[in-house]
Amino acid sequence: MTNQPRIALIHALEESVIPARETFLKEWPEAFCFDLLDTSLAIDLANAGKLDDTMMDRFSELADYAARTTGKANKTDAILFTCSAFGPAIDAVKHQLTIPVLRPNESAFEEAIKMGNRIGLMVTFGPSLPALKAELETMAESLGKTINVLPVLVEGALTALKSGDVDTHNRLAAEACSQLNDIDVLVLGQFSLAKAAPLIRERLTIPVLTTPESAVNALRTLLV
């Protein structure tokens, strides 16, 4: 790796781009990041209700392109996916490539499991919730821990964010905290939810983890 790491960010929601960029600027400004965005992936997943082989192939092609490009900071050192609903496709990419590949939520999940057994999981993109809940439970089991996941889908928040109404997105996410009782830690399960973290932290006394913060810090630890 060169002195300046080159990180590929692969997105399926355009709302994830800015939170990822802002977090790198705050947590790891030395890294050079570039973006690959295919918004049709999220649309197709929502319409189909499940991952299919075509979507898996598209993820593979995006990752292959990201891994073999060279430019500023030389060769790509790692890939960070920001789309939380595509875990199996990202796992396939992990086996496909030799450079580090991170799912958007794995680092936050690892942190949360260390913090307690009752874990709140908040999302705004409905199709991601079953897969994320299962992934969190599977990770805990592999670590020898039994957890209770309390999932919350914030209806209307993503629609508000897509229309440019960040304040409504953040308010709806903060109000949804009323559905979370007696938890040890809350994971905001999508990169786009990081925008609501300050308001949510005002309402809660427990740790609130955002996926971009956890992922960027994990990558920095891995590569530096």
C-alpha atoms as a PDB file:
ATOM      1  CA  MET A   1       0.000   0.000   0.000  1.00  0.00           C
ATOM      2  CA  THR A   2       1.166   3.548  -0.733  1.00  0.00           C
ATOM      3  CA  ASN A   3       1.270   6.216   1.954  1.00  0.00           C
ATOM      4  CA  GLN A   4      -2.175   7.310   0.814  1.00  0.00           C
ATOM      5  CA  PRO A   5      -4.666   4.420   0.829  1.00  0.00           C
ATOM      6  CA  ARG A   6      -7.056   4.129  -2.113  1.00  0.00           C
ATOM      7  CA  ILE A   7     -10.546   3.022  -1.054  1.00  0.00           C
ATOM      8  CA  ALA A   8     -13.414   2.120  -3.384  1.00  0.00           C
ATOM      9  CA  LEU A   9     -16.891   2.959  -2.095  1.00  0.00           C
ATOM     10  CA  ILE A  10     -19.695   1.030  -3.783  1.00  0.00           C
ATOM     11  CA  HIS A  11     -23.236   2.340  -3.316  1.00  0.00           C
ATOM     12  CA  ALA A  12     -26.763   1.212  -4.210  1.00  0.00           C
ATOM     13  CA  LEU A  13     -28.418   4.285  -2.672  1.00  0.00           C
ATOM     14  CA  GLU A  14     -27.248   7.779  -3.565  1.00  0.00           C
ATOM     15  CA  GLU A  15     -28.207   8.847  -0.032  1.00  0.00           C
ATOM     16  CA  SER A  16     -25.230   6.822   1.238  1.00  0.00           C
ATOM     17  CA  VAL A  17     -22.609   8.737  -0.723  1.00  0.00           C
ATOM     18  CA  ILE A  18     -22.439  11.904   1.371  1.00  0.00           C
ATOM     19  CA  PRO A  19     -22.451  10.149   4.794  1.00  0.00           C
ATOM     20  CA  ALA A  20     -19.589   7.944   3.627  1.00  0.00           C
ATOM     21  CA  ARG A  21     -17.607  10.892   2.303  1.00  0.00           C
ATOM     22  CA  GLU A  22     -18.228  13.018   5.390  1.00  0.00           C
ATOM     23  CA  THR A  23     -17.131  10.200   7.683  1.00  0.00           C
ATOM     24  CA  PHE A  24     -13.887   9.603   5.802  1.00  0.00           C
ATOM     25  CA  LEU A  25     -13.181  13.336   5.905  1.00  0.00           C
ATOM     26  CA  LYS A  26     -13.724  13.353   9.664  1.00  0.00           C
ATOM     27  CA  GLU A  27     -12.208  10.019  10.697  1.00  0.00           C
ATOM     28  CA  TRP A  28      -9.572   9.331   8.034  1.00  0.00           C
ATOM     29  CA  PRO A  29      -8.903  12.372   5.831  1.00  0.00           C
ATOM     30  CA  GLU A  30      -5.650  10.910   4.508  1.00  0.00           C
ATOM     31  CA  ALA A  31      -7.522   8.224   2.555  1.00  0.00           C
ATOM     32  CA  PHE A  32      -8.352   8.746  -1.116  1.00  0.00           C
ATOM     33  CA  CYS A  33     -11.864   7.510  -1.888  1.00  0.00           C
ATOM     34  CA  PHE A  34     -13.712   7.059  -5.154  1.00  0.00           C
ATOM     35  CA  ASP A  35     -17.358   6.137  -5.693  1.00  0.00           C
ATOM     36  CA  LEU A  36     -19.242   3.609  -7.793  1.00  0.00           C
ATOM     37  CA  LEU A  37     -23.029   4.051  -7.725  1.00  0.00           C
ATOM     38  CA  ASP A  38     -25.782   1.855  -9.186  1.00  0.00           C
ATOM     39  CA  THR A  39     -29.129   3.041  -7.824  1.00  0.00           C
ATOM     40  CA  SER A  40     -31.022   0.470  -9.892  1.00  0.00           C
ATOM     41  CA  LEU A  41     -29.781  -2.259  -7.544  1.00  0.00           C
ATOM     42  CA  ALA A  42     -31.866  -0.961  -4.629  1.00  0.00           C
ATOM     43  CA  ILE A  43     -34.872  -0.453  -6.910  1.00  0.00           C
ATOM     44  CA  ASP A  44     -34.604  -3.954  -8.343  1.00  0.00           C
ATOM     45  CA  LEU A  45     -34.208  -5.521  -4.904  1.00  0.00           C
ATOM     46  CA  ALA A  46     -37.274  -3.703  -3.597  1.00  0.00           C
ATOM     47  CA  ASN A  47     -39.300  -4.844  -6.607  1.00  0.00           C
ATOM     48  CA  ALA A  48     -38.082  -8.449  -6.544  1.00  0.00           C
ATOM     49  CA  GLY A  49     -38.178  -8.851  -2.770  1.00  0.00           C
ATOM     50  CA  LYS A  50     -34.983 -10.898  -2.788  1.00  0.00           C
ATOM     51  CA  LEU A  51     -31.514 -11.072  -4.288  1.00  0.00           C
ATOM     52  CA  ASP A  52     -31.295 -12.904  -7.596  1.00  0.00           C
ATOM     53  CA  ASP A  53     -28.386 -14.171  -9.677  1.00  0.00           C
ATOM     54  CA  THR A  54     -28.401 -11.096 -11.894  1.00  0.00           C
ATOM     55  CA  MET A  55     -27.939  -8.792  -8.913  1.00  0.00           C
ATOM     56  CA  MET A  56     -25.163 -11.020  -7.591  1.00  0.00           C
ATOM     57  CA  ASP A  57     -23.395 -10.770 -10.952  1.00  0.00           C
ATOM     58  CA  ARG A  58     -23.747  -6.990 -11.002  1.00  0.00           C
ATOM     59  CA  PHE A  59     -22.112  -6.753  -7.585  1.00  0.00           C
ATOM     60  CA  SER A  60     -19.298  -8.982  -8.777  1.00  0.00           C
ATOM     61  CA  GLU A  61     -18.714  -6.787 -11.824  1.00  0.00           C
ATOM     62  CA  LEU A  62     -18.705  -3.570  -9.794  1.00  0.00           C
ATOM     63  CA  ALA A  63     -16.238  -5.032  -7.312  1.00  0.00           C
ATOM     64  CA  ASP A  64     -13.973  -6.404 -10.034  1.00  0.00           C
ATOM     65  CA  TYR A  65     -13.847  -3.001 -11.712  1.00  0.00           C
ATOM     66  CA  ALA A  66     -13.136  -1.262  -8.403  1.00  0.00           C
ATOM     67  CA  ALA A  67     -10.353  -3.690  -7.516  1.00  0.00           C
ATOM     68  CA  ARG A  68      -8.456  -3.508 -10.796  1.00  0.00           C
ATOM     69  CA  THR A  69      -8.517   0.245 -11.353  1.00  0.00           C
ATOM     70  CA  THR A  70      -5.410   2.307 -10.784  1.00  0.00           C
ATOM     71  CA  GLY A  71      -5.060   6.057 -10.491  1.00  0.00           C
ATOM     72  CA  LYS A  72      -4.504   8.481  -7.663  1.00  0.00           C
ATOM     73  CA  ALA A  73      -2.901   6.633  -4.721  1.00  0.00           C
ATOM     74  CA  ASN A  74      -1.987   3.797  -7.123  1.00  0.00           C
ATOM     75  CA  LYS A  75      -3.982   0.542  -6.837  1.00  0.00           C
ATOM     76  CA  THR A  76      -7.173   0.036  -4.871  1.00  0.00           C
ATOM     77  CA  ASP A  77      -6.346  -1.158  -1.360  1.00  0.00           C
ATOM     78  CA  ALA A  78      -9.842  -2.027  -0.112  1.00  0.00           C
ATOM     79  CA  ILE A  79     -13.536  -1.900  -0.964  1.00  0.00           C
ATOM     80  CA  LEU A  80     -16.264  -0.665   1.341  1.00  0.00           C
ATOM     81  CA  PHE A  81     -19.835  -1.418   0.353  1.00  0.00           C
ATOM     82  CA  THR A  82     -22.389   1.020   1.754  1.00  0.00           C
ATOM     83  CA  CYS A  83     -25.550  -0.882   0.788  1.00  0.00           C
ATOM     84  CA  SER A  84     -26.742  -2.864   3.792  1.00  0.00           C
ATOM     85  CA  ALA A  85     -29.390  -4.985   2.049  1.00  0.00           C
ATOM     86  CA  PHE A  86     -26.962  -6.996  -0.087  1.00  0.00           C
ATOM     87  CA  GLY A  87     -25.017  -9.095   2.415  1.00  0.00           C
ATOM     88  CA  PRO A  88     -24.858 -12.364   0.418  1.00  0.00           C
ATOM     89  CA  ALA A  89     -23.648 -10.534  -2.692  1.00  0.00           C
ATOM     90  CA  ILE A  90     -20.938  -8.793  -0.682  1.00  0.00           C
ATOM     91  CA  ASP A  91     -19.878 -12.070   0.925  1.00  0.00           C
ATOM     92  CA  ALA A  92     -19.471 -13.543  -2.565  1.00  0.00           C
ATOM     93  CA  VAL A  93     -17.206 -10.619  -3.467  1.00  0.00           C
ATOM     94  CA  LYS A  94     -15.136 -11.266  -0.327  1.00  0.00           C
ATOM     95  CA  HIS A  95     -14.345 -14.741  -1.667  1.00  0.00           C
ATOM     96  CA  GLN A  96     -13.731 -13.382  -5.158  1.00  0.00           C
ATOM     97  CA  LEU A  97     -11.071 -10.780  -4.326  1.00  0.00           C
ATOM     98  CA  THR A  98      -7.791 -10.780  -2.426  1.00  0.00           C
ATOM     99  CA  ILE A  99      -8.008  -7.187  -1.143  1.00  0.00           C
ATOM    100  CA  PRO A 100     -10.051  -6.391   1.999  1.00  0.00           C
ATOM    101  CA  VAL A 101     -13.790  -6.082   1.372  1.00  0.00           C
ATOM    102  CA  LEU A 102     -16.081  -4.777   4.108  1.00  0.00           C
ATOM    103  CA  ARG A 103     -19.822  -5.037   4.415  1.00  0.00           C
ATOM    104  CA  PRO A 104     -21.268  -1.715   5.566  1.00  0.00           C
ATOM    105  CA  ASN A 105     -22.531  -3.018   8.870  1.00  0.00           C
ATOM    106  CA  GLU A 106     -20.122  -5.731   9.999  1.00  0.00           C
ATOM    107  CA  SER A 107     -17.854  -3.460  12.047  1.00  0.00           C
ATOM    108  CA  ALA A 108     -20.772  -1.776  13.827  1.00  0.00           C
ATOM    109  CA  PHE A 109     -22.293  -5.184  14.548  1.00  0.00           C
ATOM    110  CA  GLU A 110     -19.036  -6.427  16.064  1.00  0.00           C
ATOM    111  CA  GLU A 111     -18.892  -3.369  18.312  1.00  0.00           C
ATOM    112  CA  ALA A 112     -22.530  -3.716  19.343  1.00  0.00           C
ATOM    113  CA  ILE A 113     -22.173  -7.380  20.282  1.00  0.00           C
ATOM    114  CA  LYS A 114     -19.321  -6.458  22.618  1.00  0.00           C
ATOM    115  CA  MET A 115     -21.486  -3.807  24.299  1.00  0.00           C
ATOM    116  CA  GLY A 116     -24.475  -5.874  25.348  1.00  0.00           C
ATOM    117  CA  ASN A 117     -27.069  -8.550  24.649  1.00  0.00           C
ATOM    118  CA  ARG A 118     -30.065  -6.360  23.810  1.00  0.00           C
ATOM    119  CA  ILE A 119     -29.322  -4.590  20.552  1.00  0.00           C
ATOM    120  CA  GLY A 120     -31.580  -2.114  18.802  1.00  0.00           C
ATOM    121  CA  LEU A 121     -31.375  -2.142  14.994  1.00  0.00           C
ATOM    122  CA  MET A 122     -32.842   0.836  13.128  1.00  0.00           C
ATOM    123  CA  VAL A 123     -33.305   1.024   9.350  1.00  0.00           C
ATOM    124  CA  THR A 124     -35.248   3.138   6.870  1.00  0.00           C
ATOM    125  CA  PHE A 125     -35.041   0.743   3.885  1.00  0.00           C
ATOM    126  CA  GLY A 126     -37.462  -2.098   4.603  1.00  0.00           C
ATOM    127  CA  PRO A 127     -35.905  -4.808   2.395  1.00  0.00           C
ATOM    128  CA  SER A 128     -32.673  -4.595   4.392  1.00  0.00           C
ATOM    129  CA  LEU A 129     -34.188  -5.432   7.778  1.00  0.00           C
ATOM    130  CA  PRO A 130     -34.590  -9.257   7.639  1.00  0.00           C
ATOM    131  CA  ALA A 131     -31.106  -9.743   6.208  1.00  0.00           C
ATOM    132  CA  LEU A 132     -29.471  -7.410   8.721  1.00  0.00           C
ATOM    133  CA  LYS A 133     -31.239  -8.971  11.681  1.00  0.00           C
ATOM    134  CA  ALA A 134     -30.192 -12.447  10.543  1.00  0.00           C
ATOM    135  CA  GLU A 135     -26.627 -11.278   9.930  1.00  0.00           C
ATOM    136  CA  LEU A 136     -26.374  -9.746  13.394  1.00  0.00           C
ATOM    137  CA  GLU A 137     -27.733 -12.883  15.058  1.00  0.00           C
ATOM    138  CA  THR A 138     -25.414 -15.133  13.041  1.00  0.00           C
ATOM    139  CA  MET A 139     -22.395 -13.021  13.944  1.00  0.00           C
ATOM    140  CA  ALA A 140     -23.298 -13.147  17.633  1.00  0.00           C
ATOM    141  CA  GLU A 141     -23.684 -16.918  17.480  1.00  0.00           C
ATOM    142  CA  SER A 142     -20.263 -17.262  15.838  1.00  0.00           C
ATOM    143  CA  LEU A 143     -18.827 -15.242  18.727  1.00  0.00           C
ATOM    144  CA  GLY A 144     -20.522 -17.463  21.294  1.00  0.00           C
ATOM    145  CA  LYS A 145     -23.052 -14.851  22.403  1.00  0.00           C
ATOM    146  CA  THR A 146     -26.825 -14.918  22.663  1.00  0.00           C
ATOM    147  CA  ILE A 147     -28.471 -11.621  21.782  1.00  0.00           C
ATOM    148  CA  ASN A 148     -31.937 -10.169  21.477  1.00  0.00           C
ATOM    149  CA  VAL A 149     -32.343  -7.914  18.440  1.00  0.00           C
ATOM    150  CA  LEU A 150     -35.044  -5.257  18.572  1.00  0.00           C
ATOM    151  CA  PRO A 151     -35.639  -4.123  14.974  1.00  0.00           C
ATOM    152  CA  VAL A 152     -37.226  -0.791  14.034  1.00  0.00           C
ATOM    153  CA  LEU A 153     -38.226   0.287  10.524  1.00  0.00           C
ATOM    154  CA  VAL A 154     -38.662   4.063  10.319  1.00  0.00           C
ATOM    155  CA  GLU A 155     -41.514   4.465   7.850  1.00  0.00           C
ATOM    156  CA  GLY A 156     -41.357   7.512   5.606  1.00  0.00           C
ATOM    157  CA  ALA A 157     -37.861   8.594   6.594  1.00  0.00           C
ATOM    158  CA  LEU A 158     -36.079   7.431   3.450  1.00  0.00           C
ATOM    159  CA  THR A 159     -38.777   8.973   1.254  1.00  0.00           C
ATOM    160  CA  ALA A 160     -38.260  12.277   3.059  1.00  0.00           C
ATOM    161  CA  LEU A 161     -34.498  12.045   2.609  1.00  0.00           C
ATOM    162  CA  LYS A 162     -34.840  11.268  -1.104  1.00  0.00           C
ATOM    163  CA  SER A 163     -36.975  14.388  -1.513  1.00  0.00           C
ATOM    164  CA  GLY A 164     -34.317  16.489   0.199  1.00  0.00           C
ATOM    165  CA  ASP A 165     -36.139  16.863   3.522  1.00  0.00           C
ATOM    166  CA  VAL A 166     -33.299  15.970   5.870  1.00  0.00           C
ATOM    167  CA  ASP A 167     -35.011  17.497   8.909  1.00  0.00           C
ATOM    168  CA  THR A 168     -38.063  15.238   8.558  1.00  0.00           C
ATOM    169  CA  HIS A 169     -35.836  12.203   8.014  1.00  0.00           C
ATOM    170  CA  ASN A 170     -33.914  12.966  11.192  1.00  0.00           C
ATOM    171  CA  ARG A 171     -37.037  13.766  13.210  1.00  0.00           C
ATOM    172  CA  LEU A 172     -38.782  10.531  12.205  1.00  0.00           C
ATOM    173  CA  ALA A 173     -35.695   8.517  13.111  1.00  0.00           C
ATOM    174  CA  ALA A 174     -35.422  10.219  16.496  1.00  0.00           C
ATOM    175  CA  GLU A 175     -39.130   9.722  17.213  1.00  0.00           C
ATOM    176  CA  ALA A 176     -38.790   6.018  16.411  1.00  0.00           C
ATOM    177  CA  CYS A 177     -36.534   5.688  19.447  1.00  0.00           C
ATOM    178  CA  SER A 178     -39.720   5.557  21.530  1.00  0.00           C
ATOM    179  CA  GLN A 179     -40.179   2.006  20.199  1.00  0.00           C
ATOM    180  CA  LEU A 180     -36.890   0.928  21.765  1.00  0.00           C
ATOM    181  CA  ASN A 181     -37.096  -0.008  25.413  1.00  0.00           C
ATOM    182  CA  ASP A 182     -34.389  -1.461  27.640  1.00  0.00           C
ATOM    183  CA  ILE A 183     -31.634  -1.889  25.056  1.00  0.00           C
ATOM    184  CA  ASP A 184     -27.886  -1.780  25.641  1.00  0.00           C
ATOM    185  CA  VAL A 185     -26.856  -0.230  22.322  1.00  0.00           C
ATOM    186  CA  LEU A 186     -28.486   1.040  19.131  1.00  0.00           C
ATOM    187  CA  VAL A 187     -27.092   0.390  15.659  1.00  0.00           C
ATOM    188  CA  LEU A 188     -28.188   2.714  12.864  1.00  0.00           C
ATOM    189  CA  GLY A 189     -28.172   0.075  10.172  1.00  0.00           C
ATOM    190  CA  GLN A 190     -27.764   2.219   7.053  1.00  0.00           C
ATOM    191  CA  PHE A 191     -25.163   4.755   6.021  1.00  0.00           C
ATOM    192  CA  SER A 192     -27.895   7.294   5.269  1.00  0.00           C
ATOM    193  CA  LEU A 193     -29.114   7.131   8.885  1.00  0.00           C
ATOM    194  CA  ALA A 194     -25.854   8.653  10.088  1.00  0.00           C
ATOM    195  CA  LYS A 195     -27.423  12.046   9.381  1.00  0.00           C
ATOM    196  CA  ALA A 196     -29.872  11.415  12.224  1.00  0.00           C
ATOM    197  CA  ALA A 197     -27.272  10.271  14.747  1.00  0.00           C
ATOM    198  CA  PRO A 198     -26.817  13.619  16.557  1.00  0.00           C
ATOM    199  CA  LEU A 199     -30.565  14.000  17.158  1.00  0.00           C
ATOM    200  CA  ILE A 200     -30.929  10.369  18.217  1.00  0.00           C
ATOM    201  CA  ARG A 201     -28.010  10.680  20.639  1.00  0.00           C
ATOM    202  CA  GLU A 202     -29.783  13.616  22.280  1.00  0.00           C
ATOM    203  CA  ARG A 203     -32.700  11.302  23.107  1.00  0.00           C
ATOM    204  CA  LEU A 204     -30.788   8.252  24.288  1.00  0.00           C
ATOM    205  CA  THR A 205     -28.266   7.644  27.035  1.00  0.00           C
ATOM    206  CA  ILE A 206     -26.954   4.403  25.526  1.00  0.00           C
ATOM    207  CA  PRO A 207     -24.266   4.127  22.826  1.00  0.00           C
ATOM    208  CA  VAL A 208     -25.507   4.842  19.293  1.00  0.00           C
ATOM    209  CA  LEU A 209     -23.349   3.320  16.551  1.00  0.00           C
ATOM    210  CA  THR A 210     -23.371   4.473  12.943  1.00  0.00           C
ATOM    211  CA  THR A 211     -22.234   2.112  10.226  1.00  0.00           C
ATOM    212  CA  PRO A 212     -19.954   4.597   8.420  1.00  0.00           C
ATOM    213  CA  GLU A 213     -18.060   5.569  11.580  1.00  0.00           C
ATOM    214  CA  SER A 214     -17.485   1.945  12.556  1.00  0.00           C
ATOM    215  CA  ALA A 215     -16.554   0.884   9.024  1.00  0.00           C
ATOM    216  CA  VAL A 216     -14.087   3.704   8.381  1.00  0.00           C
ATOM    217  CA  ASN A 217     -12.342   3.167  11.705  1.00  0.00           C
ATOM    218  CA  ALA A 218     -12.123  -0.576  11.045  1.00  0.00           C
ATOM    219  CA  LEU A 219     -10.595   0.009   7.614  1.00  0.00           C
ATOM    220  CA  ARG A 220      -8.077   2.477   9.015  1.00  0.00           C
ATOM    221  CA  THR A 221      -7.031  -0.037  11.679  1.00  0.00           C
ATOM    222  CA  LEU A 222      -6.715  -2.738   9.036  1.00  0.00           C
ATOM    223  CA  LEU A 223      -4.665  -0.775   6.525  1.00  0.00           C
ATOM    224  CA  VAL A 224      -2.524   1.643   8.525  1.00  0.00           C
END
